[in-house]
Protein backbone atom coordinates (compact mmCIF):
# COMPACT_ATOMS: atom_id res chain seq x y z
CA MET A 1 -1.10 62.88 -27.69
CA LYS A 2 -4.17 60.73 -28.29
CA LYS A 3 -2.04 58.12 -30.10
CA ARG A 4 0.40 58.09 -27.19
CA LEU A 5 -2.38 57.58 -24.66
CA ALA A 6 -3.89 54.82 -26.79
CA PHE A 7 -0.48 53.11 -26.99
CA ILE A 8 -0.02 53.32 -23.21
CA ALA A 9 -3.54 51.93 -22.69
CA ALA A 10 -2.81 49.05 -25.05
CA LEU A 11 0.39 48.25 -23.18
CA ALA A 12 -1.46 48.32 -19.89
CA PHE A 13 -4.17 46.03 -21.24
CA ALA A 14 -1.58 43.63 -22.62
CA SER A 15 0.27 43.66 -19.29
CA VAL A 16 -2.93 42.84 -17.41
CA SER A 17 -3.82 40.16 -19.94
CA PHE A 18 -0.43 38.47 -19.76
CA SER A 19 -0.48 38.72 -15.97
CA SER A 20 -3.91 37.12 -15.92
CA LEU A 21 -2.73 34.32 -18.18
CA ALA A 22 0.27 33.72 -15.95
CA GLN A 23 -1.96 33.57 -12.88
CA ASP A 24 -4.39 31.20 -14.60
CA THR A 25 -1.67 28.74 -15.59
CA VAL A 26 -1.50 25.82 -13.17
CA THR A 27 1.61 23.62 -13.10
CA LEU A 28 1.28 20.09 -11.77
CA ARG A 29 4.51 18.53 -10.53
CA TYR A 30 5.01 14.77 -10.64
CA LEU A 31 7.52 11.94 -10.29
CA ALA A 32 8.12 9.66 -13.27
CA SER A 33 8.47 5.88 -13.26
CA TYR A 34 11.42 4.07 -14.82
CA GLY A 35 10.79 2.27 -18.09
CA GLY A 36 7.51 3.89 -19.07
CA ILE A 37 5.38 7.00 -19.26
CA SER A 38 2.09 7.77 -17.57
CA ALA A 39 -1.09 8.78 -19.38
CA HIS A 40 -0.60 12.41 -18.33
CA GLU A 41 2.96 12.33 -19.69
CA LEU A 42 1.58 10.92 -22.93
CA ALA A 43 -1.11 13.61 -23.00
CA ASP A 44 1.59 16.24 -22.57
CA ALA A 45 3.69 14.74 -25.38
CA LEU A 46 0.62 14.71 -27.64
CA GLY A 47 0.03 18.40 -26.94
CA TYR A 48 -3.32 17.85 -25.24
CA PHE A 49 -2.58 20.39 -22.50
CA LYS A 50 -1.63 23.21 -24.88
CA GLY A 51 -3.93 26.18 -24.45
CA THR A 52 -5.69 24.68 -21.43
CA GLY A 53 -3.80 26.55 -18.73
CA VAL A 54 -2.37 23.27 -17.41
CA THR A 55 1.33 22.41 -17.60
CA LEU A 56 3.33 19.49 -16.18
CA GLU A 57 6.74 19.48 -14.50
CA ASN A 58 8.82 16.35 -13.92
CA LYS A 59 10.54 16.46 -10.52
CA GLY A 60 12.45 13.18 -10.79
CA TYR A 61 11.59 9.52 -10.22
CA ALA A 62 9.62 7.46 -7.72
CA SER A 63 10.71 3.90 -6.98
CA GLY A 64 7.11 2.91 -6.34
CA GLY A 65 3.65 4.02 -5.28
CA PRO A 66 4.34 4.60 -1.56
CA GLU A 67 7.21 6.97 -2.38
CA SER A 68 5.00 8.80 -4.86
CA LEU A 69 2.22 9.18 -2.28
CA PHE A 70 4.68 10.39 0.36
CA ALA A 71 5.85 13.11 -2.02
CA LEU A 72 2.24 14.04 -2.73
CA ALA A 73 1.40 14.25 0.97
CA SER A 74 4.46 16.40 1.66
CA GLY A 75 3.45 18.88 -1.03
CA SER A 76 6.61 18.42 -3.08
CA VAL A 77 4.50 17.18 -6.01
CA ASP A 78 0.88 17.64 -7.08
CA ILE A 79 0.34 14.26 -8.75
CA GLY A 80 0.79 10.90 -7.09
CA SER A 81 0.42 7.40 -8.50
CA ALA A 82 0.05 4.13 -6.65
CA ALA A 83 -1.71 0.79 -6.44
CA THR A 84 -5.24 0.98 -5.11
CA PRO A 85 -4.52 -0.62 -1.70
CA ALA A 86 -1.63 1.79 -1.15
CA VAL A 87 -3.94 4.71 -1.98
CA LEU A 88 -6.57 3.42 0.45
CA ASN A 89 -4.02 2.92 3.21
CA ALA A 90 -2.78 6.47 2.68
CA ILE A 91 -6.32 7.85 2.92
CA ALA A 92 -6.99 5.75 6.02
CA SER A 93 -3.87 7.28 7.57
CA GLY A 94 -5.41 10.74 7.29
CA ASN A 95 -4.23 11.94 3.88
CA LYS A 96 -6.88 13.88 1.97
CA PHE A 97 -6.46 12.24 -1.44
CA VAL A 98 -8.80 11.53 -4.34
CA ALA A 99 -8.29 8.92 -7.07
CA ALA A 100 -8.26 10.94 -10.30
CA TYR A 101 -8.13 8.22 -12.97
CA PRO A 102 -6.89 4.61 -13.32
CA THR A 103 -3.23 4.59 -14.26
CA ASN A 104 -3.38 1.03 -15.57
CA GLY A 105 -5.71 -1.90 -15.58
CA ILE A 106 -5.08 -5.61 -15.58
CA ASP A 107 -6.77 -7.77 -18.21
CA ASN A 108 -5.84 -10.46 -20.72
CA THR A 109 -3.22 -8.25 -22.38
CA THR A 110 -1.85 -6.06 -19.59
CA LYS A 111 -0.93 -7.84 -16.37
CA SER A 112 1.71 -8.35 -13.69
CA ILE A 113 3.58 -11.63 -14.16
CA PHE A 114 5.50 -13.63 -11.54
CA TYR A 115 8.47 -15.39 -13.20
CA VAL A 116 10.91 -18.11 -12.14
CA ARG A 117 13.95 -19.53 -13.88
CA GLU A 118 13.17 -22.31 -16.33
CA ASP A 119 14.80 -24.96 -14.11
CA SER A 120 13.01 -23.82 -10.94
CA PRO A 121 11.01 -26.43 -8.99
CA ILE A 122 8.30 -23.80 -8.42
CA ARG A 123 5.25 -24.71 -10.48
CA SER A 124 2.37 -23.04 -8.69
CA VAL A 125 1.56 -20.55 -5.95
CA LYS A 126 1.54 -23.40 -3.42
CA ASP A 127 5.27 -23.86 -4.07
CA LEU A 128 6.06 -20.29 -2.92
CA ALA A 129 6.16 -21.13 0.79
CA GLY A 130 9.53 -20.03 2.16
CA LYS A 131 10.62 -18.59 -1.21
CA SER A 132 11.86 -15.07 -1.90
CA VAL A 133 9.87 -12.93 -4.33
CA ALA A 134 11.29 -9.75 -5.86
CA ILE A 135 8.75 -6.92 -6.16
CA ASN A 136 9.31 -3.26 -6.93
CA THR A 137 8.27 -1.98 -3.51
CA LEU A 138 6.64 -3.19 -0.32
CA GLY A 139 3.08 -2.22 0.55
CA ALA A 140 1.91 -1.77 -3.03
CA HIS A 141 0.20 -3.74 -5.81
CA LEU A 142 2.60 -6.67 -6.18
CA ASP A 143 2.91 -7.07 -2.42
CA TYR A 144 -0.85 -7.26 -1.97
CA THR A 145 -1.30 -9.47 -5.03
CA LEU A 146 1.26 -11.91 -3.60
CA ARG A 147 -0.51 -11.97 -0.24
CA GLU A 148 -3.89 -12.57 -1.88
CA ALA A 149 -2.49 -15.31 -4.13
CA LEU A 150 -1.07 -17.10 -1.09
CA ARG A 151 -4.36 -16.77 0.78
CA GLN A 152 -6.33 -18.18 -2.16
CA ALA A 153 -3.89 -21.11 -2.30
CA GLY A 154 -4.58 -21.87 1.35
CA LEU A 155 -1.25 -20.54 2.63
CA PRO A 156 -0.56 -17.87 5.25
CA GLN A 157 -0.21 -14.44 3.66
CA ASN A 158 3.35 -14.22 4.99
CA ALA A 159 4.36 -17.65 3.65
CA ALA A 160 6.64 -16.11 1.00
CA LYS A 161 9.32 -13.46 1.51
CA PRO A 162 8.83 -10.30 -0.58
CA VAL A 163 12.04 -8.42 -1.38
CA ALA A 164 12.04 -4.84 -2.74
CA VAL A 165 14.01 -4.64 -6.01
CA PRO A 166 13.91 -1.74 -8.52
CA GLY A 167 12.31 -2.62 -11.85
CA PRO A 168 15.49 -2.36 -13.96
CA GLN A 169 17.18 -4.96 -11.72
CA LEU A 170 14.42 -7.59 -11.57
CA GLU A 171 15.77 -9.78 -14.36
CA GLN A 172 19.31 -9.64 -13.00
CA VAL A 173 18.43 -10.71 -9.44
CA LEU A 174 16.27 -13.56 -10.73
CA ARG A 175 18.82 -14.96 -13.18
CA SER A 176 21.65 -14.68 -10.64
CA GLY A 177 19.67 -16.69 -8.09
CA GLN A 178 19.44 -13.88 -5.53
CA VAL A 179 15.67 -14.45 -5.44
CA ASP A 180 13.44 -17.39 -6.34
CA VAL A 181 10.74 -15.36 -8.10
CA ALA A 182 10.61 -11.96 -9.79
CA ALA A 183 7.35 -10.11 -10.29
CA PHE A 184 7.11 -7.66 -13.18
CA GLY A 185 4.27 -5.20 -12.58
CA TYR A 186 1.62 -4.30 -15.14
CA TRP A 187 3.35 -0.90 -15.42
CA GLN A 188 6.68 -2.67 -16.10
CA THR A 189 5.72 -4.53 -19.28
CA THR A 190 8.75 -2.98 -20.95
CA PHE A 191 11.12 -4.64 -18.48
CA GLU A 192 9.10 -7.86 -18.65
CA GLY A 193 9.32 -7.92 -22.43
CA VAL A 194 13.09 -7.54 -22.38
CA ALA A 195 13.49 -10.32 -19.79
CA ARG A 196 11.18 -12.64 -21.72
CA SER A 197 13.06 -12.03 -24.97
CA HIS A 198 16.26 -13.35 -23.37
CA GLY A 199 14.65 -16.73 -22.71
CA GLY A 200 15.20 -19.09 -19.78
CA LEU A 201 12.30 -17.78 -17.69
CA ARG A 202 8.88 -19.28 -17.00
CA PRO A 203 5.70 -17.57 -15.73
CA VAL A 204 4.03 -19.09 -12.67
CA PHE A 205 0.97 -16.86 -12.28
CA ASN A 206 -0.24 -13.32 -12.92
CA ASP A 207 -2.39 -10.81 -11.10
CA THR A 208 -5.36 -11.26 -13.45
CA ASP A 209 -5.48 -14.90 -12.28
CA VAL A 210 -5.76 -13.64 -8.72
CA LEU A 211 -7.78 -10.43 -8.96
CA GLY A 212 -9.69 -10.65 -12.22
CA GLU A 213 -9.97 -7.69 -14.56
CA ILE A 214 -9.67 -4.57 -12.45
CA ALA A 215 -7.93 -1.20 -12.29
CA GLY A 216 -4.46 -1.81 -10.91
CA GLY A 217 -3.86 1.64 -9.49
CA PHE A 218 -4.75 5.30 -9.71
CA THR A 219 -3.27 8.68 -10.37
CA VAL A 220 -3.97 10.65 -7.22
CA LEU A 221 -4.53 14.32 -6.39
CA ARG A 222 -4.80 16.11 -3.05
CA GLU A 223 -8.24 17.38 -2.08
CA ASP A 224 -6.88 20.85 -1.34
CA PHE A 225 -5.42 21.07 -4.84
CA VAL A 226 -8.75 20.05 -6.39
CA LYS A 227 -10.60 22.66 -4.32
CA GLU A 228 -8.10 25.40 -5.18
CA HIS A 229 -7.87 24.48 -8.89
CA PRO A 230 -11.14 22.71 -9.81
CA ASP A 231 -10.98 23.53 -13.53
CA ALA A 232 -7.32 22.54 -13.83
CA ALA A 233 -8.01 19.25 -12.02
CA LYS A 234 -10.86 18.42 -14.40
CA THR A 235 -8.77 19.38 -17.43
CA PHE A 236 -5.91 17.23 -16.18
CA VAL A 237 -8.15 14.18 -15.82
CA ARG A 238 -10.03 14.76 -19.07
CA GLU A 239 -6.91 15.11 -21.23
CA SER A 240 -5.20 12.17 -19.51
CA ALA A 241 -8.25 10.04 -20.32
CA ARG A 242 -7.98 11.17 -23.95
CA ALA A 243 -4.40 9.94 -23.95
CA LEU A 244 -5.50 6.56 -22.57
CA ASP A 245 -7.94 6.21 -25.46
CA TYR A 246 -5.26 7.29 -27.94
CA ALA A 247 -2.95 4.59 -26.61
CA ARG A 248 -5.62 1.94 -27.15
CA GLU A 249 -6.20 3.04 -30.74
CA HIS A 250 -2.58 3.84 -31.69
CA PRO A 251 -0.26 1.47 -29.79
CA GLN A 252 2.68 1.73 -32.18
CA GLU A 253 2.58 5.53 -32.17
CA VAL A 254 2.66 5.42 -28.37
CA ARG A 255 5.68 3.10 -28.44
CA ASP A 256 7.44 5.63 -30.66
CA ILE A 257 6.54 8.50 -28.32
CA MET A 258 7.63 6.47 -25.31
CA ALA A 259 10.98 5.65 -26.91
CA LYS A 260 11.58 9.33 -27.57
CA GLU A 261 10.62 10.31 -24.00
CA LEU A 262 12.76 7.56 -22.43
CA LYS A 263 15.75 8.59 -24.53
CA ALA A 264 15.31 12.21 -23.45
CA ARG A 265 15.36 11.03 -19.81
CA GLY A 266 18.56 9.08 -20.35
CA GLU A 267 16.86 5.68 -20.24
CA ASN A 268 17.01 2.83 -22.73
CA PRO A 269 14.51 3.68 -25.50
CA ASP A 270 14.56 0.12 -26.90
CA VAL A 271 12.37 -1.17 -24.06
CA ALA A 272 9.43 0.85 -25.44
CA ARG A 273 8.86 -1.85 -28.08
CA TYR A 274 7.47 -4.11 -25.34
CA PHE A 275 4.80 -1.68 -24.18
CA THR A 276 1.45 -3.53 -24.34
CA GLY A 277 -0.91 -0.72 -23.33
CA TYR A 278 -2.48 0.70 -20.19
CA GLY A 279 -5.24 -1.89 -19.93
CA VAL A 280 -7.94 0.56 -18.82
CA ARG A 281 -11.53 0.93 -19.93
CA PRO A 282 -12.54 3.42 -22.64
CA GLY A 283 -12.42 6.98 -21.38
CA GLY A 284 -10.28 5.96 -18.41
CA HIS A 285 -13.49 4.99 -16.66
CA ALA A 286 -13.27 3.65 -13.10
CA GLU A 287 -15.88 1.33 -11.67
CA ASP A 288 -16.81 0.98 -8.01
CA ARG A 289 -15.39 -2.56 -7.95
CA ASP A 290 -11.91 -1.18 -8.72
CA VAL A 291 -11.89 0.32 -5.25
CA GLN A 292 -14.46 -1.75 -3.35
CA TYR A 293 -12.56 -4.98 -4.03
CA TRP A 294 -9.58 -3.69 -2.08
CA ILE A 295 -11.69 -2.05 0.63
CA ASP A 296 -13.23 -5.45 1.30
CA ILE A 297 -9.82 -7.15 1.47
CA LEU A 298 -8.32 -4.49 3.74
CA GLU A 299 -11.36 -4.65 6.02
CA ARG A 300 -11.14 -8.45 6.09
CA ASP A 301 -7.46 -8.28 7.07
CA GLY A 302 -8.07 -5.62 9.72
CA ALA A 303 -6.13 -2.87 7.92
CA LEU A 304 -9.33 -0.82 7.60
CA GLY A 305 -12.24 -0.46 9.97
CA LYS A 306 -15.65 -1.53 8.71
CA GLY A 307 -17.10 1.37 6.73
CA GLN A 308 -14.04 3.54 7.37
CA ILE A 309 -13.71 4.41 3.67
CA GLN A 310 -16.48 4.76 1.09
CA VAL A 311 -15.92 4.38 -2.66
CA THR A 312 -17.79 7.63 -3.34
CA HIS A 313 -15.29 9.51 -1.18
CA VAL A 314 -12.32 8.09 -3.08
CA LEU A 315 -13.14 8.48 -6.76
CA PHE A 316 -12.84 11.96 -8.28
CA ASN A 317 -15.66 13.07 -10.57
CA ALA A 318 -14.21 15.11 -13.43
CA GLN A 319 -17.58 15.75 -15.09
């Protein structure tokens, strides 16, 4: 009888334990980007989330940052990703978001490049007036970089005509003459590498020329998620930052992982060979300038009110 009672007690304890584990597990849903993997996807592939109570779930693809932020705001995903000005505009519109960690940075190795055909008369930003420029999506990093480049060249910010084109089609629309310029984002170095390998294209400028070395965008979480799952949010950021450091130290291993992940998603794994890195600082560290630079520009252009957004209210502290 005693053995039977002990067995029943053990079962009950195990049931409670497993139930507790199930309740403690937090799943973060996200949208992937074509042609690459995010730092949190890399962290997941490396097994960094095992045993932490955090799991990831891919819910499809986002064509760009604004779509990702819309999904985040609607509650259909828990992780968003977008260029810094898009994040700031979303917050200014009333969305309670925090910037968790820089997704990518732009520096001398990782950058967004604006290409023309080799025989194009376009030689500098000043030649872009009246020209069409293919970018992945409107209202995000490439759009704002183009506007700022035009302004710095002494042209109206609307002097060129941005056209939204998905990353996999950028090379095609440029070579066929459907657009005058195609911009490959810092997160699209795989597509850029393939296009460059085919020859016949010439770079005109890049975003590092315009913006300097800076975080290009951020992975974003909702404030309510962070408040409800503070430990999971910190774990998510910490392990993603570990993956960013791993990528800096083991670029070829990351290309191999990326190829495997892209193949599993039904994409072309060969583009992974052109991955140049995430371009972020050690530890995925964000500096105030990464955000303040864009706050100043948006305030200057009237998109934000003076003092409407503070850097300290945007950046998430995972410590």
